Amino acid sequence: MMMPYLYLAVAIASEVVATSALKASDGFTRPLPAVIVVVGYAIAFLLMAASLKQLPVGFVYAIWAGLGIVGVAIVGALVFGEVFTPLKVVGIALVVAGVVVMKLGTA
């Protein structure tokens, strides 16, 4: 029963990498980041689909979206120098809280 969660975790990591590469691709004008975008999203969607075979769609999407947002925000700050304001930190905390509530509501 742990495999769907592993698939989802790797899917989220792939999505964060792909989204970060999308920023680095500079509008798909840089080939290597553009290839990473396509491959990263392909892996992400394939593994998300695999996780959906055993996990509820609402739960999977909440985890996917929530942790993806948090991951991309962290990469944005660390790699691209985007500023973390107190309001952004509150927003991220609310996203994480929403993911926890979704998990608690899943049987």
PDB file of N, CA and C in Angstrom:
ATOM      1  N   MET A   1       0.821  -1.219   0.000  1.00  0.00           N
ATOM      2  CA  MET A   1       0.000   0.000   0.000  1.00  0.00           C
ATOM      3  C   MET A   1       0.854   1.268   0.000  1.00  0.00           C
ATOM      4  N   MET A   2       2.154   1.126   0.196  1.00  0.00           N
ATOM      5  CA  MET A   2       3.014   2.303   0.223  1.00  0.00           C
ATOM      6  C   MET A   2       3.395   2.784  -1.179  1.00  0.00           C
ATOM      7  N   MET A   3       3.301   1.926  -2.180  1.00  0.00           N
ATOM      8  CA  MET A   3       3.726   2.300  -3.532  1.00  0.00           C
ATOM      9  C   MET A   3       2.959   3.505  -4.087  1.00  0.00           C
ATOM     10  N   PRO A   4       1.640   3.594  -3.920  1.00  0.00           N
ATOM     11  CA  PRO A   4       0.952   4.777  -4.455  1.00  0.00           C
ATOM     12  C   PRO A   4       1.463   6.085  -3.848  1.00  0.00           C
ATOM     13  N   TYR A   5       1.840   6.043  -2.576  1.00  0.00           N
ATOM     14  CA  TYR A   5       2.381   7.236  -1.922  1.00  0.00           C
ATOM     15  C   TYR A   5       3.776   7.560  -2.459  1.00  0.00           C
ATOM     16  N   LEU A   6       4.560   6.524  -2.730  1.00  0.00           N
ATOM     17  CA  LEU A   6       5.879   6.733  -3.326  1.00  0.00           C
ATOM     18  C   LEU A   6       5.732   7.314  -4.730  1.00  0.00           C
ATOM     19  N   TYR A   7       4.807   6.762  -5.521  1.00  0.00           N
ATOM     20  CA  TYR A   7       4.547   7.300  -6.855  1.00  0.00           C
ATOM     21  C   TYR A   7       4.163   8.780  -6.770  1.00  0.00           C
ATOM     22  N   LEU A   8       3.297   9.097  -5.817  1.00  0.00           N
ATOM     23  CA  LEU A   8       2.842  10.477  -5.669  1.00  0.00           C
ATOM     24  C   LEU A   8       3.995  11.394  -5.253  1.00  0.00           C
ATOM     25  N   ALA A   9       4.837  10.935  -4.339  1.00  0.00           N
ATOM     26  CA  ALA A   9       5.972  11.748  -3.888  1.00  0.00           C
ATOM     27  C   ALA A   9       6.931  12.038  -5.042  1.00  0.00           C
ATOM     28  N   VAL A  10       7.231  11.027  -5.841  1.00  0.00           N
ATOM     29  CA  VAL A  10       8.136  11.230  -6.974  1.00  0.00           C
ATOM     30  C   VAL A  10       7.461  12.101  -8.037  1.00  0.00           C
ATOM     31  N   ALA A  11       6.147  11.929  -8.212  1.00  0.00           N
ATOM     32  CA  ALA A  11       5.408  12.774  -9.161  1.00  0.00           C
ATOM     33  C   ALA A  11       5.484  14.241  -8.754  1.00  0.00           C
ATOM     34  N   ILE A  12       5.326  14.505  -7.485  1.00  0.00           N
ATOM     35  CA  ILE A  12       5.394  15.886  -6.995  1.00  0.00           C
ATOM     36  C   ILE A  12       6.802  16.452  -7.182  1.00  0.00           C
ATOM     37  N   ALA A  13       7.813  15.658  -6.852  1.00  0.00           N
ATOM     38  CA  ALA A  13       9.193  16.113  -7.036  1.00  0.00           C
ATOM     39  C   ALA A  13       9.466  16.404  -8.516  1.00  0.00           C
ATOM     40  N   SER A  14       8.966  15.540  -9.404  1.00  0.00           N
ATOM     41  CA  SER A  14       9.157  15.750 -10.842  1.00  0.00           C
ATOM     42  C   SER A  14       8.455  17.013 -11.312  1.00  0.00           C
ATOM     43  N   GLU A  15       7.272  17.255 -10.767  1.00  0.00           N
ATOM     44  CA  GLU A  15       6.521  18.454 -11.138  1.00  0.00           C
ATOM     45  C   GLU A  15       7.239  19.723 -10.672  1.00  0.00           C
ATOM     46  N   VAL A  16       7.811  19.679  -9.485  1.00  0.00           N
ATOM     47  CA  VAL A  16       8.550  20.836  -8.962  1.00  0.00           C
ATOM     48  C   VAL A  16       9.790  21.099  -9.824  1.00  0.00           C
ATOM     49  N   VAL A  17      10.499  20.032 -10.190  1.00  0.00           N
ATOM     50  CA  VAL A  17      11.666  20.179 -11.065  1.00  0.00           C
ATOM     51  C   VAL A  17      11.238  20.748 -12.415  1.00  0.00           C
ATOM     52  N   ALA A  18      10.156  20.193 -12.988  1.00  0.00           N
ATOM     53  CA  ALA A  18       9.683  20.647 -14.303  1.00  0.00           C
ATOM     54  C   ALA A  18       9.245  22.108 -14.270  1.00  0.00           C
ATOM     55  N   THR A  19       8.527  22.495 -13.239  1.00  0.00           N
ATOM     56  CA  THR A  19       8.066  23.878 -13.135  1.00  0.00           C
ATOM     57  C   THR A  19       9.245  24.829 -12.944  1.00  0.00           C
ATOM     58  N   SER A  20      10.224  24.414 -12.167  1.00  0.00           N
ATOM     59  CA  SER A  20      11.419  25.234 -11.975  1.00  0.00           C
ATOM     60  C   SER A  20      12.193  25.365 -13.284  1.00  0.00           C
ATOM     61  N   ALA A  21      12.263  24.276 -14.033  1.00  0.00           N
ATOM     62  CA  ALA A  21      12.935  24.311 -15.335  1.00  0.00           C
ATOM     63  C   ALA A  21      12.162  25.187 -16.318  1.00  0.00           C
ATOM     64  N   LEU A  22      10.853  25.250 -16.158  1.00  0.00           N
ATOM     65  CA  LEU A  22      10.039  26.108 -17.021  1.00  0.00           C
ATOM     66  C   LEU A  22      10.472  27.562 -16.859  1.00  0.00           C
ATOM     67  N   LYS A  23      10.712  27.965 -15.635  1.00  0.00           N
ATOM     68  CA  LYS A  23      11.222  29.322 -15.378  1.00  0.00           C
ATOM     69  C   LYS A  23      12.602  29.483 -16.010  1.00  0.00           C
ATOM     70  N   ALA A  24      13.449  28.476 -15.835  1.00  0.00           N
ATOM     71  CA  ALA A  24      14.817  28.535 -16.356  1.00  0.00           C
ATOM     72  C   ALA A  24      14.873  28.442 -17.883  1.00  0.00           C
ATOM     73  N   SER A  25      13.820  27.917 -18.505  1.00  0.00           N
ATOM     74  CA  SER A  25      13.826  27.750 -19.968  1.00  0.00           C
ATOM     75  C   SER A  25      13.691  29.085 -20.704  1.00  0.00           C
ATOM     76  N   ASP A  26      13.315  30.126 -19.977  1.00  0.00           N
ATOM     77  CA  ASP A  26      13.178  31.462 -20.558  1.00  0.00           C
ATOM     78  C   ASP A  26      12.258  31.434 -21.784  1.00  0.00           C
ATOM     79  N   GLY A  27      11.031  30.941 -21.538  1.00  0.00           N
ATOM     80  CA  GLY A  27      10.043  30.892 -22.620  1.00  0.00           C
ATOM     81  C   GLY A  27      10.377  29.841 -23.672  1.00  0.00           C
ATOM     82  N   PHE A  28      10.971  28.724 -23.239  1.00  0.00           N
ATOM     83  CA  PHE A  28      11.372  27.625 -24.123  1.00  0.00           C
ATOM     84  C   PHE A  28      12.438  28.054 -25.136  1.00  0.00           C
ATOM     85  N   THR A  29      13.241  29.056 -24.785  1.00  0.00           N
ATOM     86  CA  THR A  29      14.319  29.480 -25.673  1.00  0.00           C
ATOM     87  C   THR A  29      15.645  28.818 -25.318  1.00  0.00           C
ATOM     88  N   ARG A  30      15.702  28.163 -24.168  1.00  0.00           N
ATOM     89  CA  ARG A  30      16.911  27.446 -23.751  1.00  0.00           C
ATOM     90  C   ARG A  30      16.619  25.949 -23.806  1.00  0.00           C
ATOM     91  N   PRO A  31      17.313  25.209 -24.669  1.00  0.00           N
ATOM     92  CA  PRO A  31      16.960  23.807 -24.947  1.00  0.00           C
ATOM     93  C   PRO A  31      17.020  22.857 -23.747  1.00  0.00           C
ATOM     94  N   LEU A  32      18.089  22.870 -22.968  1.00  0.00           N
ATOM     95  CA  LEU A  32      18.200  21.905 -21.871  1.00  0.00           C
ATOM     96  C   LEU A  32      17.081  22.069 -20.844  1.00  0.00           C
ATOM     97  N   PRO A  33      16.832  23.280 -20.337  1.00  0.00           N
ATOM     98  CA  PRO A  33      15.697  23.412 -19.417  1.00  0.00           C
ATOM     99  C   PRO A  33      14.363  23.035 -20.069  1.00  0.00           C
ATOM    100  N   ALA A  34      14.197  23.312 -21.359  1.00  0.00           N
ATOM    101  CA  ALA A  34      12.947  22.955 -22.051  1.00  0.00           C
ATOM    102  C   ALA A  34      12.763  21.449 -22.090  1.00  0.00           C
ATOM    103  N   VAL A  35      13.837  20.703 -22.326  1.00  0.00           N
ATOM    104  CA  VAL A  35      13.761  19.237 -22.319  1.00  0.00           C
ATOM    105  C   VAL A  35      13.418  18.742 -20.914  1.00  0.00           C
ATOM    106  N   ILE A  36      14.016  19.337 -19.902  1.00  0.00           N
ATOM    107  CA  ILE A  36      13.715  18.957 -18.512  1.00  0.00           C
ATOM    108  C   ILE A  36      12.237  19.192 -18.203  1.00  0.00           C
ATOM    109  N   VAL A  37      11.664  20.272 -18.714  1.00  0.00           N
ATOM    110  CA  VAL A  37      10.237  20.554 -18.518  1.00  0.00           C
ATOM    111  C   VAL A  37       9.400  19.408 -19.063  1.00  0.00           C
ATOM    112  N   VAL A  38       9.634  19.044 -20.307  1.00  0.00           N
ATOM    113  CA  VAL A  38       8.814  18.017 -20.966  1.00  0.00           C
ATOM    114  C   VAL A  38       8.973  16.663 -20.275  1.00  0.00           C
ATOM    115  N   VAL A  39      10.205  16.268 -20.009  1.00  0.00           N
ATOM    116  CA  VAL A  39      10.458  14.979 -19.363  1.00  0.00           C
ATOM    117  C   VAL A  39       9.908  14.983 -17.930  1.00  0.00           C
ATOM    118  N   GLY A  40      10.128  16.074 -17.206  1.00  0.00           N
ATOM    119  CA  GLY A  40       9.650  16.164 -15.823  1.00  0.00           C
ATOM    120  C   GLY A  40       8.145  16.069 -15.718  1.00  0.00           C
ATOM    121  N   TYR A  41       7.431  16.784 -16.591  1.00  0.00           N
ATOM    122  CA  TYR A  41       5.966  16.712 -16.551  1.00  0.00           C
ATOM    123  C   TYR A  41       5.466  15.346 -17.001  1.00  0.00           C
ATOM    124  N   ALA A  42       6.132  14.724 -17.975  1.00  0.00           N
ATOM    125  CA  ALA A  42       5.726  13.381 -18.410  1.00  0.00           C
ATOM    126  C   ALA A  42       5.843  12.391 -17.254  1.00  0.00           C
ATOM    127  N   ILE A  43       6.970  12.420 -16.560  1.00  0.00           N
ATOM    128  CA  ILE A  43       7.157  11.537 -15.409  1.00  0.00           C
ATOM    129  C   ILE A  43       6.120  11.848 -14.334  1.00  0.00           C
ATOM    130  N   ALA A  44       5.908  13.125 -14.072  1.00  0.00           N
ATOM    131  CA  ALA A  44       4.963  13.532 -13.029  1.00  0.00           C
ATOM    132  C   ALA A  44       3.559  13.002 -13.316  1.00  0.00           C
ATOM    133  N   PHE A  45       3.085  13.176 -14.547  1.00  0.00           N
ATOM    134  CA  PHE A  45       1.724  12.742 -14.862  1.00  0.00           C
ATOM    135  C   PHE A  45       1.595  11.224 -14.900  1.00  0.00           C
ATOM    136  N   LEU A  46       2.607  10.529 -15.387  1.00  0.00           N
ATOM    137  CA  LEU A  46       2.560   9.067 -15.389  1.00  0.00           C
ATOM    138  C   LEU A  46       2.493   8.523 -13.962  1.00  0.00           C
ATOM    139  N   LEU A  47       3.312   9.075 -13.080  1.00  0.00           N
ATOM    140  CA  LEU A  47       3.314   8.587 -11.697  1.00  0.00           C
ATOM    141  C   LEU A  47       2.070   9.028 -10.931  1.00  0.00           C
ATOM    142  N   MET A  48       1.565  10.209 -11.237  1.00  0.00           N
ATOM    143  CA  MET A  48       0.315  10.635 -10.602  1.00  0.00           C
ATOM    144  C   MET A  48      -0.810   9.695 -11.023  1.00  0.00           C
ATOM    145  N   ALA A  49      -0.860   9.339 -12.303  1.00  0.00           N
ATOM    146  CA  ALA A  49      -1.868   8.405 -12.798  1.00  0.00           C
ATOM    147  C   ALA A  49      -1.741   7.056 -12.095  1.00  0.00           C
ATOM    148  N   ALA A  50      -0.515   6.604 -11.882  1.00  0.00           N
ATOM    149  CA  ALA A  50      -0.306   5.330 -11.184  1.00  0.00           C
ATOM    150  C   ALA A  50      -0.812   5.412  -9.749  1.00  0.00           C
ATOM    151  N   SER A  51      -0.593   6.530  -9.082  1.00  0.00           N
ATOM    152  CA  SER A  51      -1.056   6.672  -7.699  1.00  0.00           C
ATOM    153  C   SER A  51      -2.581   6.699  -7.625  1.00  0.00           C
ATOM    154  N   LEU A  52      -3.211   7.218  -8.681  1.00  0.00           N
ATOM    155  CA  LEU A  52      -4.681   7.313  -8.698  1.00  0.00           C
ATOM    156  C   LEU A  52      -5.371   5.955  -8.830  1.00  0.00           C
ATOM    157  N   LYS A  53      -4.624   4.921  -9.160  1.00  0.00           N
ATOM    158  CA  LYS A  53      -5.209   3.579  -9.221  1.00  0.00           C
ATOM    159  C   LYS A  53      -5.663   3.105  -7.848  1.00  0.00           C
ATOM    160  N   GLN A  54      -5.005   3.640  -6.785  1.00  0.00           N
ATOM    161  CA  GLN A  54      -5.319   3.176  -5.433  1.00  0.00           C
ATOM    162  C   GLN A  54      -5.699   4.275  -4.451  1.00  0.00           C
ATOM    163  N   LEU A  55      -5.511   5.513  -4.826  1.00  0.00           N
ATOM    164  CA  LEU A  55      -5.798   6.614  -3.901  1.00  0.00           C
ATOM    165  C   LEU A  55      -6.924   7.476  -4.462  1.00  0.00           C
ATOM    166  N   PRO A  56      -7.709   8.117  -3.597  1.00  0.00           N
ATOM    167  CA  PRO A  56      -8.812   8.973  -4.048  1.00  0.00           C
ATOM    168  C   PRO A  56      -8.311  10.215  -4.781  1.00  0.00           C
ATOM    169  N   VAL A  57      -9.001  10.591  -5.831  1.00  0.00           N
ATOM    170  CA  VAL A  57      -8.576  11.699  -6.680  1.00  0.00           C
ATOM    171  C   VAL A  57      -8.519  13.032  -5.911  1.00  0.00           C
ATOM    172  N   GLY A  58      -9.469  13.293  -5.045  1.00  0.00           N
ATOM    173  CA  GLY A  58      -9.470  14.545  -4.277  1.00  0.00           C
ATOM    174  C   GLY A  58      -8.251  14.654  -3.379  1.00  0.00           C
ATOM    175  N   PHE A  59      -7.914  13.560  -2.736  1.00  0.00           N
ATOM    176  CA  PHE A  59      -6.741  13.518  -1.870  1.00  0.00           C
ATOM    177  C   PHE A  59      -5.462  13.701  -2.689  1.00  0.00           C
ATOM    178  N   VAL A  60      -5.334  12.943  -3.779  1.00  0.00           N
ATOM    179  CA  VAL A  60      -4.134  13.019  -4.616  1.00  0.00           C
ATOM    180  C   VAL A  60      -3.945  14.436  -5.149  1.00  0.00           C
ATOM    181  N   TYR A  61      -5.013  15.036  -5.636  1.00  0.00           N
ATOM    182  CA  TYR A  61      -4.877  16.366  -6.209  1.00  0.00           C
ATOM    183  C   TYR A  61      -4.540  17.407  -5.145  1.00  0.00           C
ATOM    184  N   ALA A  62      -5.114  17.262  -3.957  1.00  0.00           N
ATOM    185  CA  ALA A  62      -4.802  18.205  -2.870  1.00  0.00           C
ATOM    186  C   ALA A  62      -3.331  18.113  -2.486  1.00  0.00           C
ATOM    187  N   ILE A  63      -2.824  16.899  -2.365  1.00  0.00           N
ATOM    188  CA  ILE A  63      -1.415  16.713  -2.016  1.00  0.00           C
ATOM    189  C   ILE A  63      -0.523  17.238  -3.148  1.00  0.00           C
ATOM    190  N   TRP A  64      -0.870  16.852  -4.387  1.00  0.00           N
ATOM    191  CA  TRP A  64      -0.119  17.279  -5.580  1.00  0.00           C
ATOM    192  C   TRP A  64      -0.034  18.805  -5.647  1.00  0.00           C
ATOM    193  N   ALA A  65      -1.177  19.448  -5.564  1.00  0.00           N
ATOM    194  CA  ALA A  65      -1.219  20.908  -5.702  1.00  0.00           C
ATOM    195  C   ALA A  65      -0.539  21.593  -4.512  1.00  0.00           C
ATOM    196  N   GLY A  66      -0.881  21.149  -3.318  1.00  0.00           N
ATOM    197  CA  GLY A  66      -0.355  21.798  -2.116  1.00  0.00           C
ATOM    198  C   GLY A  66       1.151  21.679  -1.990  1.00  0.00           C
ATOM    199  N   LEU A  67       1.658  20.468  -2.089  1.00  0.00           N
ATOM    200  CA  LEU A  67       3.101  20.289  -1.940  1.00  0.00           C
ATOM    201  C   LEU A  67       3.854  20.825  -3.152  1.00  0.00           C
ATOM    202  N   GLY A  68       3.217  20.804  -4.306  1.00  0.00           N
ATOM    203  CA  GLY A  68       3.827  21.414  -5.487  1.00  0.00           C
ATOM    204  C   GLY A  68       4.005  22.913  -5.294  1.00  0.00           C
ATOM    205  N   ILE A  69       2.985  23.565  -4.770  1.00  0.00           N
ATOM    206  CA  ILE A  69       3.059  25.006  -4.500  1.00  0.00           C
ATOM    207  C   ILE A  69       4.184  25.310  -3.512  1.00  0.00           C
ATOM    208  N   VAL A  70       4.228  24.547  -2.435  1.00  0.00           N
ATOM    209  CA  VAL A  70       5.257  24.767  -1.422  1.00  0.00           C
ATOM    210  C   VAL A  70       6.648  24.518  -2.015  1.00  0.00           C
ATOM    211  N   GLY A  71       6.791  23.421  -2.747  1.00  0.00           N
ATOM    212  CA  GLY A  71       8.088  23.093  -3.344  1.00  0.00           C
ATOM    213  C   GLY A  71       8.568  24.147  -4.319  1.00  0.00           C
ATOM    214  N   VAL A  72       7.678  24.593  -5.196  1.00  0.00           N
ATOM    215  CA  VAL A  72       8.060  25.611  -6.181  1.00  0.00           C
ATOM    216  C   VAL A  72       8.371  26.938  -5.492  1.00  0.00           C
ATOM    217  N   ALA A  73       7.642  27.274  -4.447  1.00  0.00           N
ATOM    218  CA  ALA A  73       7.926  28.511  -3.712  1.00  0.00           C
ATOM    219  C   ALA A  73       9.313  28.462  -3.066  1.00  0.00           C
ATOM    220  N   ILE A  74       9.667  27.311  -2.527  1.00  0.00           N
ATOM    221  CA  ILE A  74      10.990  27.157  -1.914  1.00  0.00           C
ATOM    222  C   ILE A  74      12.085  27.242  -2.972  1.00  0.00           C
ATOM    223  N   VAL A  75      11.892  26.538  -4.097  1.00  0.00           N
ATOM    224  CA  VAL A  75      12.876  26.615  -5.185  1.00  0.00           C
ATOM    225  C   VAL A  75      12.980  28.053  -5.701  1.00  0.00           C
ATOM    226  N   GLY A  76      11.850  28.728  -5.829  1.00  0.00           N
ATOM    227  CA  GLY A  76      11.858  30.115  -6.283  1.00  0.00           C
ATOM    228  C   GLY A  76      12.716  30.993  -5.393  1.00  0.00           C
ATOM    229  N   ALA A  77      12.609  30.773  -4.090  1.00  0.00           N
ATOM    230  CA  ALA A  77      13.396  31.573  -3.153  1.00  0.00           C
ATOM    231  C   ALA A  77      14.874  31.188  -3.192  1.00  0.00           C
ATOM    232  N   LEU A  78      15.165  29.895  -3.204  1.00  0.00           N
ATOM    233  CA  LEU A  78      16.553  29.438  -3.123  1.00  0.00           C
ATOM    234  C   LEU A  78      17.317  29.576  -4.435  1.00  0.00           C
ATOM    235  N   VAL A  79      16.640  29.308  -5.550  1.00  0.00           N
ATOM    236  CA  VAL A  79      17.334  29.277  -6.836  1.00  0.00           C
ATOM    237  C   VAL A  79      17.179  30.588  -7.609  1.00  0.00           C
ATOM    238  N   PHE A  80      15.984  31.151  -7.572  1.00  0.00           N
ATOM    239  CA  PHE A  80      15.704  32.330  -8.397  1.00  0.00           C
ATOM    240  C   PHE A  80      15.693  33.636  -7.603  1.00  0.00           C
ATOM    241  N   GLY A  81      15.979  33.576  -6.308  1.00  0.00           N
ATOM    242  CA  GLY A  81      16.078  34.776  -5.494  1.00  0.00           C
ATOM    243  C   GLY A  81      14.756  35.475  -5.220  1.00  0.00           C
ATOM    244  N   GLU A  82      13.647  34.745  -5.332  1.00  0.00           N
ATOM    245  CA  GLU A  82      12.344  35.344  -5.041  1.00  0.00           C
ATOM    246  C   GLU A  82      12.217  35.562  -3.534  1.00  0.00           C
ATOM    247  N   VAL A  83      11.605  36.641  -3.156  1.00  0.00           N
ATOM    248  CA  VAL A  83      11.534  37.039  -1.752  1.00  0.00           C
ATOM    249  C   VAL A  83      10.371  36.346  -1.051  1.00  0.00           C
ATOM    250  N   PHE A  84      10.662  35.843   0.140  1.00  0.00           N
ATOM    251  CA  PHE A  84       9.625  35.271   1.009  1.00  0.00           C
ATOM    252  C   PHE A  84       9.169  36.359   1.968  1.00  0.00           C
ATOM    253  N   THR A  85       8.010  36.919   1.725  1.00  0.00           N
ATOM    254  CA  THR A  85       7.459  37.911   2.637  1.00  0.00           C
ATOM    255  C   THR A  85       6.682  37.193   3.741  1.00  0.00           C
ATOM    256  N   PRO A  86       6.418  37.870   4.845  1.00  0.00           N
ATOM    257  CA  PRO A  86       5.605  37.237   5.889  1.00  0.00           C
ATOM    258  C   PRO A  86       4.242  36.774   5.359  1.00  0.00           C
ATOM    259  N   LEU A  87       3.655  37.534   4.452  1.00  0.00           N
ATOM    260  CA  LEU A  87       2.363  37.145   3.900  1.00  0.00           C
ATOM    261  C   LEU A  87       2.473  35.860   3.065  1.00  0.00           C
ATOM    262  N   LYS A  88       3.560  35.708   2.326  1.00  0.00           N
ATOM    263  CA  LYS A  88       3.784  34.472   1.567  1.00  0.00           C
ATOM    264  C   LYS A  88       3.941  33.281   2.505  1.00  0.00           C
ATOM    265  N   VAL A  89       4.633  33.486   3.614  1.00  0.00           N
ATOM    266  CA  VAL A  89       4.814  32.410   4.596  1.00  0.00           C
ATOM    267  C   VAL A  89       3.458  31.994   5.165  1.00  0.00           C
ATOM    268  N   VAL A  90       2.606  32.947   5.452  1.00  0.00           N
ATOM    269  CA  VAL A  90       1.254  32.638   5.933  1.00  0.00           C
ATOM    270  C   VAL A  90       0.489  31.855   4.870  1.00  0.00           C
ATOM    271  N   GLY A  91       0.583  32.280   3.621  1.00  0.00           N
ATOM    272  CA  GLY A  91      -0.089  31.579   2.531  1.00  0.00           C
ATOM    273  C   GLY A  91       0.375  30.144   2.415  1.00  0.00           C
ATOM    274  N   ILE A  92       1.674  29.917   2.500  1.00  0.00           N
ATOM    275  CA  ILE A  92       2.213  28.557   2.429  1.00  0.00           C
ATOM    276  C   ILE A  92       1.739  27.732   3.622  1.00  0.00           C
ATOM    277  N   ALA A  93       1.706  28.332   4.798  1.00  0.00           N
ATOM    278  CA  ALA A  93       1.204  27.621   5.986  1.00  0.00           C
ATOM    279  C   ALA A  93      -0.258  27.227   5.800  1.00  0.00           C
ATOM    280  N   LEU A  94      -1.035  28.090   5.183  1.00  0.00           N
ATOM    281  CA  LEU A  94      -2.445  27.762   4.931  1.00  0.00           C
ATOM    282  C   LEU A  94      -2.571  26.623   3.917  1.00  0.00           C
ATOM    283  N   VAL A  95      -1.717  26.607   2.911  1.00  0.00           N
ATOM    284  CA  VAL A  95      -1.725  25.511   1.939  1.00  0.00           C
ATOM    285  C   VAL A  95      -1.403  24.194   2.641  1.00  0.00           C
ATOM    286  N   VAL A  96      -0.363  24.194   3.463  1.00  0.00           N
ATOM    287  CA  VAL A  96       0.017  22.981   4.199  1.00  0.00           C
ATOM    288  C   VAL A  96      -1.118  22.545   5.124  1.00  0.00           C
ATOM    289  N   ALA A  97      -1.748  23.493   5.799  1.00  0.00           N
ATOM    290  CA  ALA A  97      -2.879  23.164   6.667  1.00  0.00           C
ATOM    291  C   ALA A  97      -4.011  22.528   5.858  1.00  0.00           C
ATOM    292  N   GLY A  98      -4.265  23.048   4.680  1.00  0.00           N
ATOM    293  CA  GLY A  98      -5.302  22.481   3.819  1.00  0.00           C
ATOM    294  C   GLY A  98      -4.987  21.058   3.409  1.00  0.00           C
ATOM    295  N   VAL A  99      -3.732  20.781   3.105  1.00  0.00           N
ATOM    296  CA  VAL A  99      -3.324  19.424   2.744  1.00  0.00           C
ATOM    297  C   VAL A  99      -3.517  18.481   3.936  1.00  0.00           C
ATOM    298  N   VAL A 100      -3.154  18.932   5.124  1.00  0.00           N
ATOM    299  CA  VAL A 100      -3.338  18.107   6.320  1.00  0.00           C
ATOM    300  C   VAL A 100      -4.812  17.816   6.545  1.00  0.00           C
ATOM    301  N   VAL A 101      -5.648  18.810   6.402  1.00  0.00           N
ATOM    302  CA  VAL A 101      -7.105  18.607   6.577  1.00  0.00           C
ATOM    303  C   VAL A 101      -7.632  17.610   5.550  1.00  0.00           C
ATOM    304  N   MET A 102      -7.181  17.724   4.292  1.00  0.00           N
ATOM    305  CA  MET A 102      -7.604  16.776   3.259  1.00  0.00           C
ATOM    306  C   MET A 102      -7.193  15.355   3.637  1.00  0.00           C
ATOM    307  N   LYS A 103      -5.974  15.201   4.163  1.00  0.00           N
ATOM    308  CA  LYS A 103      -5.495  13.865   4.564  1.00  0.00           C
ATOM    309  C   LYS A 103      -6.326  13.334   5.720  1.00  0.00           C
ATOM    310  N   LEU A 104      -6.639  14.173   6.677  1.00  0.00           N
ATOM    311  CA  LEU A 104      -7.445  13.739   7.809  1.00  0.00           C
ATOM    312  C   LEU A 104      -8.852  13.330   7.392  1.00  0.00           C
ATOM    313  N   GLY A 105      -9.342  13.941   6.327  1.00  0.00           N
ATOM    314  CA  GLY A 105     -10.689  13.636   5.843  1.00  0.00           C
ATOM    315  C   GLY A 105     -10.739  12.440   4.920  1.00  0.00           C
ATOM    316  N   THR A 106      -9.587  11.805   4.640  1.00  0.00           N
ATOM    317  CA  THR A 106      -9.547  10.646   3.743  1.00  0.00           C
ATOM    318  C   THR A 106      -9.497   9.383   4.577  1.00  0.00           C
ATOM    319  N   ALA A 107     -10.416   8.493   4.274  1.00  0.00           N
ATOM    320  CA  ALA A 107     -10.464   7.217   5.013  1.00  0.00           C
ATOM    321  C   ALA A 107      -9.385   6.285   4.558  1.00  0.00           C
TER     322      ALA A 107
END
